[in-house]
Amino acid sequence: MSYVVGVDIGGTTVKCGIFTSEGKLVDKWEVPTRKEENGKYIVEDIAAALKSKLIDNGVDIDDVEGIGMGVPGPVQPNGYVELCVNLGWKDIWPARQLEEAMGGKVTCMAGNDANVAALGEMWQGGGKGYSNVVAVTLGTGVGGGIILDGKMVAGSHGLGGEIGHIHIRDEETEACNCGGHGCVEQVASATGILREAKRNLAKTDKPSRMRDFGDELTCRNVCDCAKEGDEIAVETLETSCRYLGQALAAITLVIDPEIFVIGGGVSKAGSFLIELIRKYYKFYTPMTEKKADIALAMLGNDAGIYGAANLVLKK
């Protein structure tokens, strides 16, 4: 039997998984992300853990087709990472380094973590059965991944799929982390939704269940209150989903995917959220009824390791 390994590098932990080449998860685990000294220990920690876990699972290195890596930053098509702020990496070839750390016995590949997660959802998740998928992750920020004809689209400079930084709101005065203003991320992420809710609460004296949470108000509270019919919470989510729907419409009119897969913490609002997004998405694409559907992601935090593993199978 042949195997593939998926590695999803995060700012706090590195998630790893061993899979059969057919997509069955054999084992998964996490190791701490050691970011000291500009992340110089991350790759060697991954290699040490992989060697140990392969032995524990009775998997011979010669039976491993390859190791895929999801990296939280732009990855050039040749595997080069110019800068990865969350890890402290600069001018690095992570897949090449992991290959060397594994003794040159197995092929390693790297891709942007959001694109890799999209690949995972296409392989074994909410996008299974499709070959043209756009995955949108609504978390602290807004991530995106584009799969066309079964292949990741990273773009010429690693910027493909940076959906969160599409400019969508002219009147936004606060700066985004990217340096721009009015990005999708600023209104449709968990952070953006919470900020929008606080702004709306400050504009009026109307009663709202959200006021009961005080300084402890979270995006999840906003979503729960909206489901209960809270007027200000509903207004908040309507605004966020309108801008997100507008962005998805623009993406549709450029690449025309088969399906959008929505994941991340905000997606736990479920069908309530999906229906709101779908309403505005349809409004902004009136020219045809036949267009991409919008569905919930299915793999949760495991999407990255699934996609990283599948990255190897796509080589």
C-alpha atoms as a PDB file:
ATOM      1  CA  MET A   1       0.000   0.000   0.000  1.00  0.00           C
ATOM      2  CA  SER A   2       1.198   3.524  -0.748  1.00  0.00           C
ATOM      3  CA  TYR A   3       0.835   6.535   1.510  1.00  0.00           C
ATOM      4  CA  VAL A   4       0.987  10.325   1.420  1.00  0.00           C
ATOM      5  CA  VAL A   5       1.616  12.744   4.246  1.00  0.00           C
ATOM      6  CA  GLY A   6      -0.035  16.123   4.792  1.00  0.00           C
ATOM      7  CA  VAL A   7       1.467  18.908   6.908  1.00  0.00           C
ATOM      8  CA  ASP A   8      -0.444  22.096   7.761  1.00  0.00           C
ATOM      9  CA  ILE A   9       1.811  24.706   9.366  1.00  0.00           C
ATOM     10  CA  GLY A  10       0.019  27.118  11.691  1.00  0.00           C
ATOM     11  CA  GLY A  11       1.248  29.873  13.955  1.00  0.00           C
ATOM     12  CA  THR A  12       0.639  27.828  17.118  1.00  0.00           C
ATOM     13  CA  THR A  13       0.783  24.201  16.019  1.00  0.00           C
ATOM     14  CA  VAL A  14       1.732  22.123  12.994  1.00  0.00           C
ATOM     15  CA  LYS A  15      -0.960  19.599  12.086  1.00  0.00           C
ATOM     16  CA  CYS A  16       0.200  16.406  10.406  1.00  0.00           C
ATOM     17  CA  GLY A  17      -1.562  13.410   8.919  1.00  0.00           C
ATOM     18  CA  ILE A  18      -0.693  10.118   7.267  1.00  0.00           C
ATOM     19  CA  PHE A  19      -3.120   9.014   4.528  1.00  0.00           C
ATOM     20  CA  THR A  20      -3.467   6.160   2.122  1.00  0.00           C
ATOM     21  CA  SER A  21      -3.208   7.335  -1.464  1.00  0.00           C
ATOM     22  CA  GLU A  22      -6.990   6.775  -1.714  1.00  0.00           C
ATOM     23  CA  GLY A  23      -7.619   9.400   0.981  1.00  0.00           C
ATOM     24  CA  LYS A  24      -8.171   7.329   4.124  1.00  0.00           C
ATOM     25  CA  LEU A  25      -6.735   9.015   7.218  1.00  0.00           C
ATOM     26  CA  VAL A  26      -4.394   6.607   9.029  1.00  0.00           C
ATOM     27  CA  ASP A  27      -3.171   8.871  11.840  1.00  0.00           C
ATOM     28  CA  LYS A  28      -3.038  12.560  12.700  1.00  0.00           C
ATOM     29  CA  TRP A  29      -1.237  14.592  15.341  1.00  0.00           C
ATOM     30  CA  GLU A  30       0.113  18.040  16.147  1.00  0.00           C
ATOM     31  CA  VAL A  31       3.472  19.441  17.154  1.00  0.00           C
ATOM     32  CA  PRO A  32       4.135  22.921  18.593  1.00  0.00           C
ATOM     33  CA  THR A  33       5.268  25.586  16.135  1.00  0.00           C
ATOM     34  CA  ARG A  34       8.609  26.791  17.470  1.00  0.00           C
ATOM     35  CA  LYS A  35       8.918  30.296  16.056  1.00  0.00           C
ATOM     36  CA  GLU A  36      12.036  31.353  17.941  1.00  0.00           C
ATOM     37  CA  GLU A  37      15.038  32.354  15.854  1.00  0.00           C
ATOM     38  CA  ASN A  38      12.797  33.124  12.886  1.00  0.00           C
ATOM     39  CA  GLY A  39      11.264  29.662  12.835  1.00  0.00           C
ATOM     40  CA  LYS A  40      14.523  27.846  12.129  1.00  0.00           C
ATOM     41  CA  TYR A  41      13.412  24.752  14.077  1.00  0.00           C
ATOM     42  CA  ILE A  42       9.999  24.259  12.457  1.00  0.00           C
ATOM     43  CA  VAL A  43      11.094  22.040   9.573  1.00  0.00           C
ATOM     44  CA  GLU A  44      13.410  19.869  11.652  1.00  0.00           C
ATOM     45  CA  ASP A  45      10.637  19.381  14.262  1.00  0.00           C
ATOM     46  CA  ILE A  46       8.270  18.282  11.496  1.00  0.00           C
ATOM     47  CA  ALA A  47      10.821  15.839  10.137  1.00  0.00           C
ATOM     48  CA  ALA A  48      11.518  14.337  13.574  1.00  0.00           C
ATOM     49  CA  ALA A  49       7.810  13.862  14.262  1.00  0.00           C
ATOM     50  CA  LEU A  50       7.175  12.344  10.828  1.00  0.00           C
ATOM     51  CA  LYS A  51       9.987   9.815  11.150  1.00  0.00           C
ATOM     52  CA  SER A  52       8.681   8.723  14.542  1.00  0.00           C
ATOM     53  CA  LYS A  53       5.027   8.507  13.489  1.00  0.00           C
ATOM     54  CA  LEU A  54       5.798   6.564  10.317  1.00  0.00           C
ATOM     55  CA  ILE A  55       7.562   3.966  12.449  1.00  0.00           C
ATOM     56  CA  ASP A  56       4.676   3.903  14.967  1.00  0.00           C
ATOM     57  CA  ASN A  57       2.217   3.207  12.148  1.00  0.00           C
ATOM     58  CA  GLY A  58       4.367   0.600  10.476  1.00  0.00           C
ATOM     59  CA  VAL A  59       4.825   2.687   7.350  1.00  0.00           C
ATOM     60  CA  ASP A  60       8.111   2.335   5.485  1.00  0.00           C
ATOM     61  CA  ILE A  61       9.502   5.574   4.064  1.00  0.00           C
ATOM     62  CA  ASP A  62       9.833   3.848   0.684  1.00  0.00           C
ATOM     63  CA  ASP A  63       6.035   3.444   0.598  1.00  0.00           C
ATOM     64  CA  VAL A  64       5.456   7.184   1.031  1.00  0.00           C
ATOM     65  CA  GLU A  65       4.731   8.861  -2.319  1.00  0.00           C
ATOM     66  CA  GLY A  66       5.457  12.283  -0.898  1.00  0.00           C
ATOM     67  CA  ILE A  67       4.887  14.912   1.768  1.00  0.00           C
ATOM     68  CA  GLY A  68       2.786  18.000   1.103  1.00  0.00           C
ATOM     69  CA  MET A  69       2.980  21.197   3.157  1.00  0.00           C
ATOM     70  CA  GLY A  70       0.525  24.043   3.660  1.00  0.00           C
ATOM     71  CA  VAL A  71       2.366  27.282   4.469  1.00  0.00           C
ATOM     72  CA  PRO A  72       0.648  30.388   5.946  1.00  0.00           C
ATOM     73  CA  GLY A  73       1.913  32.805   3.303  1.00  0.00           C
ATOM     74  CA  PRO A  74       2.455  33.189  -0.442  1.00  0.00           C
ATOM     75  CA  VAL A  75       4.348  30.265  -2.003  1.00  0.00           C
ATOM     76  CA  GLN A  76       5.828  30.692  -5.458  1.00  0.00           C
ATOM     77  CA  PRO A  77       5.123  27.932  -8.010  1.00  0.00           C
ATOM     78  CA  ASN A  78       8.718  26.721  -7.570  1.00  0.00           C
ATOM     79  CA  GLY A  79       8.262  26.379  -3.783  1.00  0.00           C
ATOM     80  CA  TYR A  80      10.089  29.556  -2.776  1.00  0.00           C
ATOM     81  CA  VAL A  81       8.708  31.569   0.168  1.00  0.00           C
ATOM     82  CA  GLU A  82       9.885  35.156   0.200  1.00  0.00           C
ATOM     83  CA  LEU A  83       8.209  36.079   3.473  1.00  0.00           C
ATOM     84  CA  CYS A  84       6.001  34.323   6.002  1.00  0.00           C
ATOM     85  CA  VAL A  85       5.334  36.846   8.757  1.00  0.00           C
ATOM     86  CA  ASN A  86       3.490  34.510  11.146  1.00  0.00           C
ATOM     87  CA  LEU A  87       6.439  32.108  11.255  1.00  0.00           C
ATOM     88  CA  GLY A  88       9.335  34.525  10.973  1.00  0.00           C
ATOM     89  CA  TRP A  89      10.444  32.932   7.697  1.00  0.00           C
ATOM     90  CA  LYS A  90      12.219  34.945   5.049  1.00  0.00           C
ATOM     91  CA  ASP A  91      13.846  33.736   1.818  1.00  0.00           C
ATOM     92  CA  ILE A  92      13.207  30.062   2.461  1.00  0.00           C
ATOM     93  CA  TRP A  93      12.525  26.875   0.493  1.00  0.00           C
ATOM     94  CA  PRO A  94      10.532  24.867   3.104  1.00  0.00           C
ATOM     95  CA  ALA A  95       9.761  21.803   0.965  1.00  0.00           C
ATOM     96  CA  ARG A  96      13.390  21.526  -0.101  1.00  0.00           C
ATOM     97  CA  GLN A  97      14.494  21.801   3.533  1.00  0.00           C
ATOM     98  CA  LEU A  98      12.027  19.112   4.635  1.00  0.00           C
ATOM     99  CA  GLU A  99      13.221  16.858   1.840  1.00  0.00           C
ATOM    100  CA  GLU A 100      16.782  17.219   3.117  1.00  0.00           C
ATOM    101  CA  ALA A 101      15.676  16.671   6.732  1.00  0.00           C
ATOM    102  CA  MET A 102      13.977  13.434   5.658  1.00  0.00           C
ATOM    103  CA  GLY A 103      17.275  12.230   4.246  1.00  0.00           C
ATOM    104  CA  GLY A 104      16.351  12.851   0.623  1.00  0.00           C
ATOM    105  CA  LYS A 105      14.196   9.726   0.660  1.00  0.00           C
ATOM    106  CA  VAL A 106      10.848  11.330  -0.133  1.00  0.00           C
ATOM    107  CA  THR A 107       9.554  14.105  -2.402  1.00  0.00           C
ATOM    108  CA  CYS A 108       8.163  17.183  -0.641  1.00  0.00           C
ATOM    109  CA  MET A 109       5.950  19.952  -2.022  1.00  0.00           C
ATOM    110  CA  ALA A 110       4.589  23.204  -0.585  1.00  0.00           C
ATOM    111  CA  GLY A 111       1.626  25.467  -1.248  1.00  0.00           C
ATOM    112  CA  ASN A 112      -0.224  28.334   0.389  1.00  0.00           C
ATOM    113  CA  ASP A 113      -2.287  26.987   3.285  1.00  0.00           C
ATOM    114  CA  ALA A 114      -5.612  28.417   2.055  1.00  0.00           C
ATOM    115  CA  ASN A 115      -5.127  26.998  -1.446  1.00  0.00           C
ATOM    116  CA  VAL A 116      -4.097  23.684   0.069  1.00  0.00           C
ATOM    117  CA  ALA A 117      -7.209  23.615   2.292  1.00  0.00           C
ATOM    118  CA  ALA A 118      -9.325  24.220  -0.816  1.00  0.00           C
ATOM    119  CA  LEU A 119      -7.654  21.218  -2.421  1.00  0.00           C
ATOM    120  CA  GLY A 120      -8.558  19.165   0.650  1.00  0.00           C
ATOM    121  CA  GLU A 121     -12.222  20.180   0.469  1.00  0.00           C
ATOM    122  CA  MET A 122     -12.260  19.262  -3.216  1.00  0.00           C
ATOM    123  CA  TRP A 123     -10.650  15.891  -2.541  1.00  0.00           C
ATOM    124  CA  GLN A 124     -12.631  14.645   0.446  1.00  0.00           C
ATOM    125  CA  GLY A 125     -14.844  17.509   1.679  1.00  0.00           C
ATOM    126  CA  GLY A 126     -17.592  19.931   0.678  1.00  0.00           C
ATOM    127  CA  GLY A 127     -16.253  20.220  -2.876  1.00  0.00           C
ATOM    128  CA  LYS A 128     -15.926  16.497  -3.509  1.00  0.00           C
ATOM    129  CA  GLY A 129     -17.051  15.560  -6.985  1.00  0.00           C
ATOM    130  CA  TYR A 130     -16.126  18.948  -8.464  1.00  0.00           C
ATOM    131  CA  SER A 131     -12.936  20.047 -10.199  1.00  0.00           C
ATOM    132  CA  ASN A 132     -13.520  23.828 -10.159  1.00  0.00           C
ATOM    133  CA  VAL A 133     -13.810  24.939  -6.552  1.00  0.00           C
ATOM    134  CA  VAL A 134     -13.327  28.184  -4.651  1.00  0.00           C
ATOM    135  CA  ALA A 135     -12.936  27.743  -0.894  1.00  0.00           C
ATOM    136  CA  VAL A 136     -13.498  30.710   1.397  1.00  0.00           C
ATOM    137  CA  THR A 137     -12.408  30.557   5.022  1.00  0.00           C
ATOM    138  CA  LEU A 138     -14.161  32.985   7.352  1.00  0.00           C
ATOM    139  CA  GLY A 139     -12.045  33.101  10.487  1.00  0.00           C
ATOM    140  CA  THR A 140     -10.021  35.823  12.171  1.00  0.00           C
ATOM    141  CA  GLY A 141      -9.384  36.935   8.608  1.00  0.00           C
ATOM    142  CA  VAL A 142     -10.791  35.784   5.273  1.00  0.00           C
ATOM    143  CA  GLY A 143      -8.743  33.222   3.391  1.00  0.00           C
ATOM    144  CA  GLY A 144      -9.361  31.804  -0.040  1.00  0.00           C
ATOM    145  CA  GLY A 145      -8.256  29.001  -2.274  1.00  0.00           C
ATOM    146  CA  ILE A 146      -8.903  28.452  -5.969  1.00  0.00           C
ATOM    147  CA  ILE A 147      -8.934  25.096  -7.715  1.00  0.00           C
ATOM    148  CA  LEU A 148      -9.432  25.019 -11.474  1.00  0.00           C
ATOM    149  CA  ASP A 149      -9.467  21.771 -13.446  1.00  0.00           C
ATOM    150  CA  GLY A 150      -8.389  20.033 -10.255  1.00  0.00           C
ATOM    151  CA  LYS A 151      -5.271  22.174  -9.822  1.00  0.00           C
ATOM    152  CA  MET A 152      -4.454  24.941  -7.368  1.00  0.00           C
ATOM    153  CA  VAL A 153      -4.200  28.435  -8.773  1.00  0.00           C
ATOM    154  CA  ALA A 154      -1.475  30.312  -6.925  1.00  0.00           C
ATOM    155  CA  GLY A 155      -0.919  32.920  -9.619  1.00  0.00           C
ATOM    156  CA  SER A 156       2.314  34.388 -10.908  1.00  0.00           C
ATOM    157  CA  HIS A 157       3.241  35.929  -7.553  1.00  0.00           C
ATOM    158  CA  GLY A 158       1.482  33.673  -5.061  1.00  0.00           C
ATOM    159  CA  LEU A 159      -1.461  36.074  -4.730  1.00  0.00           C
ATOM    160  CA  GLY A 160      -4.112  33.806  -6.247  1.00  0.00           C
ATOM    161  CA  GLY A 161      -6.961  33.252  -3.804  1.00  0.00           C
ATOM    162  CA  GLU A 162      -6.335  36.316  -1.623  1.00  0.00           C
ATOM    163  CA  ILE A 163     -10.087  36.857  -1.520  1.00  0.00           C
ATOM    164  CA  GLY A 164      -9.951  38.563   1.867  1.00  0.00           C
ATOM    165  CA  HIS A 165      -8.088  41.513   0.402  1.00  0.00           C
ATOM    166  CA  ILE A 166     -10.371  42.297  -2.507  1.00  0.00           C
ATOM    167  CA  HIS A 167     -11.398  45.934  -2.091  1.00  0.00           C
ATOM    168  CA  ILE A 168     -15.146  46.041  -1.565  1.00  0.00           C
ATOM    169  CA  ARG A 169     -16.043  49.020   0.650  1.00  0.00           C
ATOM    170  CA  ASP A 170     -15.059  52.555  -0.337  1.00  0.00           C
ATOM    171  CA  GLU A 171     -16.257  54.248   2.863  1.00  0.00           C
ATOM    172  CA  GLU A 172     -14.048  52.183   5.200  1.00  0.00           C
ATOM    173  CA  THR A 173     -11.600  54.464   7.044  1.00  0.00           C
ATOM    174  CA  GLU A 174      -9.744  51.908   9.160  1.00  0.00           C
ATOM    175  CA  ALA A 175      -6.732  50.189   7.619  1.00  0.00           C
ATOM    176  CA  CYS A 176      -6.622  46.472   6.958  1.00  0.00           C
ATOM    177  CA  ASN A 177      -3.616  44.384   8.017  1.00  0.00           C
ATOM    178  CA  CYS A 178      -2.579  44.335   4.363  1.00  0.00           C
ATOM    179  CA  GLY A 179      -2.296  48.134   4.356  1.00  0.00           C
ATOM    180  CA  GLY A 180      -5.421  48.679   2.267  1.00  0.00           C
ATOM    181  CA  HIS A 181      -8.853  49.959   3.224  1.00  0.00           C
ATOM    182  CA  GLY A 182     -12.257  48.365   2.699  1.00  0.00           C
ATOM    183  CA  CYS A 183     -11.132  44.760   2.197  1.00  0.00           C
ATOM    184  CA  VAL A 184     -13.584  41.855   2.338  1.00  0.00           C
ATOM    185  CA  GLU A 185     -11.724  40.691   5.444  1.00  0.00           C
ATOM    186  CA  GLN A 186     -12.652  43.897   7.257  1.00  0.00           C
ATOM    187  CA  VAL A 187     -16.367  43.194   7.051  1.00  0.00           C
ATOM    188  CA  ALA A 188     -16.875  39.451   6.522  1.00  0.00           C
ATOM    189  CA  SER A 189     -14.333  37.861   8.896  1.00  0.00           C
ATOM    190  CA  ALA A 190     -15.158  37.049  12.517  1.00  0.00           C
ATOM    191  CA  THR A 191     -13.198  40.156  13.473  1.00  0.00           C
ATOM    192  CA  GLY A 192     -15.007  42.246  10.869  1.00  0.00           C
ATOM    193  CA  ILE A 193     -18.474  41.023  11.830  1.00  0.00           C
ATOM    194  CA  LEU A 194     -17.806  41.781  15.488  1.00  0.00           C
ATOM    195  CA  ARG A 195     -16.544  45.262  14.659  1.00  0.00           C
ATOM    196  CA  GLU A 196     -19.568  45.889  12.436  1.00  0.00           C
ATOM    197  CA  ALA A 197     -21.862  44.817  15.279  1.00  0.00           C
ATOM    198  CA  LYS A 198     -20.175  47.177  17.739  1.00  0.00           C
ATOM    199  CA  ARG A 199     -20.456  50.033  15.264  1.00  0.00           C
ATOM    200  CA  ASN A 200     -24.155  49.338  14.772  1.00  0.00           C
ATOM    201  CA  LEU A 201     -24.770  49.155  18.510  1.00  0.00           C
ATOM    202  CA  ALA A 202     -23.018  52.482  19.002  1.00  0.00           C
ATOM    203  CA  LYS A 203     -25.207  54.191  16.384  1.00  0.00           C
ATOM    204  CA  THR A 204     -28.503  53.593  18.177  1.00  0.00           C
ATOM    205  CA  ASP A 205     -30.201  53.175  21.530  1.00  0.00           C
ATOM    206  CA  LYS A 206     -32.422  50.373  20.263  1.00  0.00           C
ATOM    207  CA  PRO A 207     -32.552  47.337  22.544  1.00  0.00           C
ATOM    208  CA  SER A 208     -30.441  44.373  21.473  1.00  0.00           C
ATOM    209  CA  ARG A 209     -29.657  41.062  23.063  1.00  0.00           C
ATOM    210  CA  MET A 210     -26.041  41.685  22.022  1.00  0.00           C
ATOM    211  CA  ARG A 211     -25.739  44.432  24.649  1.00  0.00           C
ATOM    212  CA  ASP A 212     -26.068  41.781  27.372  1.00  0.00           C
ATOM    213  CA  PHE A 213     -22.601  40.456  26.506  1.00  0.00           C
ATOM    214  CA  GLY A 214     -20.866  43.806  27.050  1.00  0.00           C
ATOM    215  CA  ASP A 215     -17.150  43.678  26.318  1.00  0.00           C
ATOM    216  CA  GLU A 216     -17.350  39.880  26.048  1.00  0.00           C
ATOM    217  CA  LEU A 217     -19.389  40.034  22.818  1.00  0.00           C
ATOM    218  CA  THR A 218     -18.093  37.633  20.161  1.00  0.00           C
ATOM    219  CA  CYS A 219     -18.847  36.943  16.517  1.00  0.00           C
ATOM    220  CA  ARG A 220     -20.592  33.754  17.570  1.00  0.00           C
ATOM    221  CA  ASN A 221     -22.877  35.809  19.860  1.00  0.00           C
ATOM    222  CA  VAL A 222     -23.696  38.079  16.928  1.00  0.00           C
ATOM    223  CA  CYS A 223     -24.626  35.101  14.748  1.00  0.00           C
ATOM    224  CA  ASP A 224     -26.699  33.479  17.507  1.00  0.00           C
ATOM    225  CA  CYS A 225     -28.560  36.733  18.169  1.00  0.00           C
ATOM    226  CA  ALA A 226     -29.236  37.136  14.441  1.00  0.00           C
ATOM    227  CA  LYS A 227     -30.746  33.640  14.328  1.00  0.00           C
ATOM    228  CA  GLU A 228     -33.029  34.680  17.183  1.00  0.00           C
ATOM    229  CA  GLY A 229     -34.192  37.669  15.148  1.00  0.00           C
ATOM    230  CA  ASP A 230     -32.289  40.425  16.956  1.00  0.00           C
ATOM    231  CA  GLU A 231     -32.718  43.451  14.681  1.00  0.00           C
ATOM    232  CA  ILE A 232     -29.219  44.906  15.008  1.00  0.00           C
ATOM    233  CA  ALA A 233     -27.547  41.496  14.756  1.00  0.00           C
ATOM    234  CA  VAL A 234     -29.534  40.720  11.605  1.00  0.00           C
ATOM    235  CA  GLU A 235     -28.567  44.103  10.150  1.00  0.00           C
ATOM    236  CA  THR A 236     -24.921  43.327  10.905  1.00  0.00           C
ATOM    237  CA  LEU A 237     -24.928  39.951   9.170  1.00  0.00           C
ATOM    238  CA  GLU A 238     -26.933  41.302   6.244  1.00  0.00           C
ATOM    239  CA  THR A 239     -24.185  43.884   5.680  1.00  0.00           C
ATOM    240  CA  SER A 240     -21.358  41.369   6.001  1.00  0.00           C
ATOM    241  CA  CYS A 241     -23.037  38.821   3.716  1.00  0.00           C
ATOM    242  CA  ARG A 242     -23.941  41.504   1.174  1.00  0.00           C
ATOM    243  CA  TYR A 243     -20.295  42.480   0.746  1.00  0.00           C
ATOM    244  CA  LEU A 244     -19.167  38.851   0.707  1.00  0.00           C
ATOM    245  CA  GLY A 245     -21.872  37.972  -1.819  1.00  0.00           C
ATOM    246  CA  GLN A 246     -20.701  40.837  -3.988  1.00  0.00           C
ATOM    247  CA  ALA A 247     -17.114  39.556  -3.859  1.00  0.00           C
ATOM    248  CA  LEU A 248     -18.197  36.006  -4.757  1.00  0.00           C
ATOM    249  CA  ALA A 249     -20.202  37.389  -7.660  1.00  0.00           C
ATOM    250  CA  ALA A 250     -17.118  39.181  -8.980  1.00  0.00           C
ATOM    251  CA  ILE A 251     -15.096  35.972  -8.669  1.00  0.00           C
ATOM    252  CA  THR A 252     -17.812  34.063 -10.528  1.00  0.00           C
ATOM    253  CA  LEU A 253     -17.701  36.506 -13.421  1.00  0.00           C
ATOM    254  CA  VAL A 254     -13.946  35.968 -13.709  1.00  0.00           C
ATOM    255  CA  ILE A 255     -13.426  32.224 -13.228  1.00  0.00           C
ATOM    256  CA  ASP A 256     -16.965  30.718 -13.069  1.00  0.00           C
ATOM    257  CA  PRO A 257     -16.361  27.927 -10.504  1.00  0.00           C
ATOM    258  CA  GLU A 258     -18.744  25.022 -10.000  1.00  0.00           C
ATOM    259  CA  ILE A 259     -19.052  25.588  -6.255  1.00  0.00           C
ATOM    260  CA  PHE A 260     -18.014  27.879  -3.413  1.00  0.00           C
ATOM    261  CA  VAL A 261     -17.175  26.060  -0.187  1.00  0.00           C
ATOM    262  CA  ILE A 262     -17.471  28.208   2.948  1.00  0.00           C
ATOM    263  CA  GLY A 263     -15.446  27.198   6.000  1.00  0.00           C
ATOM    264  CA  GLY A 264     -13.804  28.705   9.073  1.00  0.00           C
ATOM    265  CA  GLY A 265     -15.223  29.515  12.493  1.00  0.00           C
ATOM    266  CA  VAL A 266     -17.942  31.835  11.175  1.00  0.00           C
ATOM    267  CA  SER A 267     -19.310  29.019   8.999  1.00  0.00           C
ATOM    268  CA  LYS A 268     -20.509  27.286  12.179  1.00  0.00           C
ATOM    269  CA  ALA A 269     -23.558  29.550  11.831  1.00  0.00           C
ATOM    270  CA  GLY A 270     -24.522  26.944   9.238  1.00  0.00           C
ATOM    271  CA  SER A 271     -27.360  27.195   6.755  1.00  0.00           C
ATOM    272  CA  PHE A 272     -28.519  30.525   8.217  1.00  0.00           C
ATOM    273  CA  LEU A 273     -25.271  32.120   7.058  1.00  0.00           C
ATOM    274  CA  ILE A 274     -25.175  30.266   3.730  1.00  0.00           C
ATOM    275  CA  GLU A 275     -28.676  31.424   2.816  1.00  0.00           C
ATOM    276  CA  LEU A 276     -27.775  35.055   3.545  1.00  0.00           C
ATOM    277  CA  ILE A 277     -24.638  34.830   1.396  1.00  0.00           C
ATOM    278  CA  ARG A 278     -26.557  33.049  -1.353  1.00  0.00           C
ATOM    279  CA  LYS A 279     -29.246  35.758  -1.377  1.00  0.00           C
ATOM    280  CA  TYR A 280     -26.762  38.514  -2.135  1.00  0.00           C
ATOM    281  CA  TYR A 281     -24.636  36.369  -4.413  1.00  0.00           C
ATOM    282  CA  LYS A 282     -27.697  35.780  -6.585  1.00  0.00           C
ATOM    283  CA  PHE A 283     -28.600  39.467  -6.471  1.00  0.00           C
ATOM    284  CA  TYR A 284     -25.186  40.447  -7.835  1.00  0.00           C
ATOM    285  CA  THR A 285     -25.212  37.806 -10.598  1.00  0.00           C
ATOM    286  CA  PRO A 286     -28.592  38.442 -12.239  1.00  0.00           C
ATOM    287  CA  MET A 287     -27.498  37.546 -15.757  1.00  0.00           C
ATOM    288  CA  THR A 288     -27.914  33.795 -15.255  1.00  0.00           C
ATOM    289  CA  GLU A 289     -29.534  31.326 -12.881  1.00  0.00           C
ATOM    290  CA  LYS A 290     -27.014  28.646 -13.795  1.00  0.00           C
ATOM    291  CA  LYS A 291     -23.972  29.431 -11.663  1.00  0.00           C
ATOM    292  CA  ALA A 292     -21.882  28.121  -8.776  1.00  0.00           C
ATOM    293  CA  ASP A 293     -23.684  26.869  -5.704  1.00  0.00           C
ATOM    294  CA  ILE A 294     -22.560  27.783  -2.187  1.00  0.00           C
ATOM    295  CA  ALA A 295     -22.009  24.998   0.359  1.00  0.00           C
ATOM    296  CA  LEU A 296     -20.494  24.489   3.775  1.00  0.00           C
ATOM    297  CA  ALA A 297     -17.008  23.036   4.144  1.00  0.00           C
ATOM    298  CA  MET A 298     -16.894  19.574   5.725  1.00  0.00           C
ATOM    299  CA  LEU A 299     -13.328  18.921   6.869  1.00  0.00           C
ATOM    300  CA  GLY A 300     -12.986  21.638   9.503  1.00  0.00           C
ATOM    301  CA  ASN A 301      -9.451  22.020  10.839  1.00  0.00           C
ATOM    302  CA  ASP A 302      -8.361  18.904   8.938  1.00  0.00           C
ATOM    303  CA  ALA A 303      -8.827  20.489   5.495  1.00  0.00           C
ATOM    304  CA  GLY A 304      -5.186  21.598   5.463  1.00  0.00           C
ATOM    305  CA  ILE A 305      -3.681  18.162   6.055  1.00  0.00           C
ATOM    306  CA  TYR A 306      -6.022  16.549   3.532  1.00  0.00           C
ATOM    307  CA  GLY A 307      -5.133  19.146   0.920  1.00  0.00           C
ATOM    308  CA  ALA A 308      -1.414  18.979   1.638  1.00  0.00           C
ATOM    309  CA  ALA A 309      -1.513  15.213   1.203  1.00  0.00           C
ATOM    310  CA  ASN A 310      -3.453  15.558  -2.058  1.00  0.00           C
ATOM    311  CA  LEU A 311      -0.930  18.144  -3.273  1.00  0.00           C
ATOM    312  CA  VAL A 312       1.537  15.287  -3.640  1.00  0.00           C
ATOM    313  CA  LEU A 313      -0.925  13.201  -5.652  1.00  0.00           C
ATOM    314  CA  LYS A 314      -1.365  16.131  -8.062  1.00  0.00           C
ATOM    315  CA  LYS A 315       2.326  16.339  -8.909  1.00  0.00           C
END
